[in-house]
Protein backbone atom coordinates (compact mmCIF):
# COMPACT_ATOMS: atom_id res chain seq x y z
CA UNK A 1 0.00 0.00 0.00
CA UNK A 2 1.20 3.50 -0.83
CA UNK A 3 0.95 6.50 1.50
CA UNK A 4 -2.57 7.87 1.69
CA UNK A 5 -4.23 4.68 0.51
CA UNK A 6 -6.79 3.00 2.70
CA UNK A 7 -8.30 -0.45 2.57
CA UNK A 8 -11.54 -1.99 3.69
CA UNK A 9 -11.19 -4.10 6.83
CA UNK A 10 -13.50 -7.03 7.48
CA UNK A 11 -15.38 -6.73 10.81
CA UNK A 12 -13.83 -9.93 12.18
CA UNK A 13 -10.36 -8.59 11.36
CA UNK A 14 -10.95 -5.44 13.42
CA UNK A 15 -11.78 -7.40 16.56
CA UNK A 16 -9.32 -10.27 16.08
CA UNK A 17 -7.21 -10.59 19.21
CA UNK A 18 -9.05 -7.85 21.10
CA UNK A 19 -10.82 -8.56 24.37
CA UNK A 20 -13.85 -6.60 25.48
CA UNK A 21 -12.96 -4.85 28.74
CA UNK A 22 -16.51 -4.37 30.00
CA UNK A 23 -19.67 -6.47 29.83
CA UNK A 24 -23.13 -5.10 28.99
CA UNK A 25 -23.62 -3.95 32.61
CA UNK A 26 -20.36 -2.00 32.71
CA UNK A 27 -18.52 -4.55 34.88
CA UNK A 28 -15.09 -5.87 33.91
CA UNK A 29 -15.55 -8.85 31.60
CA UNK A 30 -14.56 -12.39 32.56
CA UNK A 31 -12.21 -12.57 29.55
CA UNK A 32 -10.46 -9.36 30.61
CA UNK A 33 -10.06 -10.59 34.20
CA UNK A 34 -8.63 -13.93 33.02
CA UNK A 35 -6.16 -12.19 30.74
CA UNK A 36 -5.07 -9.89 33.60
CA UNK A 37 -3.92 -13.06 35.33
CA UNK A 38 -4.67 -12.47 39.01
CA UNK A 39 -7.54 -11.84 41.43
CA UNK A 40 -7.72 -8.35 42.93
CA UNK A 41 -10.07 -9.58 45.71
CA UNK A 42 -12.46 -6.65 45.16
CA UNK A 43 -15.45 -8.90 44.47
CA UNK A 44 -15.68 -8.31 40.73
CA UNK A 45 -19.06 -9.39 39.33
CA UNK A 46 -17.45 -11.66 36.69
CA UNK A 47 -14.53 -12.94 38.79
CA UNK A 48 -13.14 -16.09 37.14
CA UNK A 49 -11.02 -16.90 40.19
CA UNK A 50 -13.86 -17.78 42.55
CA UNK A 51 -13.48 -14.81 44.89
CA UNK A 52 -16.79 -13.52 46.21
CA UNK A 53 -16.97 -10.84 48.91
CA UNK A 54 -20.09 -12.36 50.51
CA UNK A 55 -18.37 -15.71 51.04
CA UNK A 56 -15.17 -14.14 52.33
CA UNK A 57 -17.03 -12.04 54.93
CA UNK A 58 -19.09 -15.02 56.13
CA UNK A 59 -22.36 -13.78 54.65
CA UNK A 60 -24.68 -15.93 52.58
C-alpha atoms as a PDB file:
ATOM      1  CA  UNK A   1       0.000   0.000   0.000  1.00  0.00           C
ATOM      2  CA  UNK A   2       1.195   3.496  -0.832  1.00  0.00           C
ATOM      3  CA  UNK A   3       0.947   6.498   1.497  1.00  0.00           C
ATOM      4  CA  UNK A   4      -2.566   7.875   1.688  1.00  0.00           C
ATOM      5  CA  UNK A   5      -4.234   4.675   0.514  1.00  0.00           C
ATOM      6  CA  UNK A   6      -6.792   2.999   2.698  1.00  0.00           C
ATOM      7  CA  UNK A   7      -8.300  -0.454   2.567  1.00  0.00           C
ATOM      8  CA  UNK A   8     -11.540  -1.993   3.693  1.00  0.00           C
ATOM      9  CA  UNK A   9     -11.188  -4.103   6.832  1.00  0.00           C
ATOM     10  CA  UNK A  10     -13.501  -7.026   7.477  1.00  0.00           C
ATOM     11  CA  UNK A  11     -15.380  -6.728  10.813  1.00  0.00           C
ATOM     12  CA  UNK A  12     -13.834  -9.931  12.178  1.00  0.00           C
ATOM     13  CA  UNK A  13     -10.361  -8.592  11.355  1.00  0.00           C
ATOM     14  CA  UNK A  14     -10.948  -5.438  13.417  1.00  0.00           C
ATOM     15  CA  UNK A  15     -11.784  -7.403  16.559  1.00  0.00           C
ATOM     16  CA  UNK A  16      -9.322 -10.269  16.076  1.00  0.00           C
ATOM     17  CA  UNK A  17      -7.211 -10.588  19.214  1.00  0.00           C
ATOM     18  CA  UNK A  18      -9.051  -7.851  21.101  1.00  0.00           C
ATOM     19  CA  UNK A  19     -10.824  -8.563  24.365  1.00  0.00           C
ATOM     20  CA  UNK A  20     -13.851  -6.605  25.478  1.00  0.00           C
ATOM     21  CA  UNK A  21     -12.956  -4.850  28.743  1.00  0.00           C
ATOM     22  CA  UNK A  22     -16.513  -4.368  30.002  1.00  0.00           C
ATOM     23  CA  UNK A  23     -19.669  -6.469  29.830  1.00  0.00           C
ATOM     24  CA  UNK A  24     -23.132  -5.099  28.989  1.00  0.00           C
ATOM     25  CA  UNK A  25     -23.623  -3.953  32.612  1.00  0.00           C
ATOM     26  CA  UNK A  26     -20.356  -2.003  32.708  1.00  0.00           C
ATOM     27  CA  UNK A  27     -18.517  -4.551  34.876  1.00  0.00           C
ATOM     28  CA  UNK A  28     -15.089  -5.866  33.910  1.00  0.00           C
ATOM     29  CA  UNK A  29     -15.552  -8.847  31.597  1.00  0.00           C
ATOM     30  CA  UNK A  30     -14.563 -12.392  32.559  1.00  0.00           C
ATOM     31  CA  UNK A  31     -12.210 -12.567  29.546  1.00  0.00           C
ATOM     32  CA  UNK A  32     -10.459  -9.358  30.614  1.00  0.00           C
ATOM     33  CA  UNK A  33     -10.063 -10.588  34.200  1.00  0.00           C
ATOM     34  CA  UNK A  34      -8.633 -13.925  33.016  1.00  0.00           C
ATOM     35  CA  UNK A  35      -6.157 -12.186  30.742  1.00  0.00           C
ATOM     36  CA  UNK A  36      -5.074  -9.888  33.603  1.00  0.00           C
ATOM     37  CA  UNK A  37      -3.918 -13.058  35.328  1.00  0.00           C
ATOM     38  CA  UNK A  38      -4.674 -12.472  39.014  1.00  0.00           C
ATOM     39  CA  UNK A  39      -7.542 -11.843  41.431  1.00  0.00           C
ATOM     40  CA  UNK A  40      -7.724  -8.350  42.933  1.00  0.00           C
ATOM     41  CA  UNK A  41     -10.073  -9.580  45.712  1.00  0.00           C
ATOM     42  CA  UNK A  42     -12.457  -6.655  45.155  1.00  0.00           C
ATOM     43  CA  UNK A  43     -15.450  -8.898  44.474  1.00  0.00           C
ATOM     44  CA  UNK A  44     -15.682  -8.314  40.730  1.00  0.00           C
ATOM     45  CA  UNK A  45     -19.059  -9.394  39.326  1.00  0.00           C
ATOM     46  CA  UNK A  46     -17.452 -11.655  36.686  1.00  0.00           C
ATOM     47  CA  UNK A  47     -14.530 -12.937  38.790  1.00  0.00           C
ATOM     48  CA  UNK A  48     -13.143 -16.095  37.140  1.00  0.00           C
ATOM     49  CA  UNK A  49     -11.017 -16.904  40.188  1.00  0.00           C
ATOM     50  CA  UNK A  50     -13.863 -17.781  42.550  1.00  0.00           C
ATOM     51  CA  UNK A  51     -13.477 -14.813  44.889  1.00  0.00           C
ATOM     52  CA  UNK A  52     -16.791 -13.515  46.214  1.00  0.00           C
ATOM     53  CA  UNK A  53     -16.974 -10.838  48.906  1.00  0.00           C
ATOM     54  CA  UNK A  54     -20.087 -12.359  50.509  1.00  0.00           C
ATOM     55  CA  UNK A  55     -18.367 -15.715  51.039  1.00  0.00           C
ATOM     56  CA  UNK A  56     -15.169 -14.135  52.328  1.00  0.00           C
ATOM     57  CA  UNK A  57     -17.034 -12.043  54.933  1.00  0.00           C
ATOM     58  CA  UNK A  58     -19.085 -15.017  56.129  1.00  0.00           C
ATOM     59  CA  UNK A  59     -22.362 -13.783  54.649  1.00  0.00           C
ATOM     60  CA  UNK A  60     -24.682 -15.929  52.578  1.00  0.00           C
END
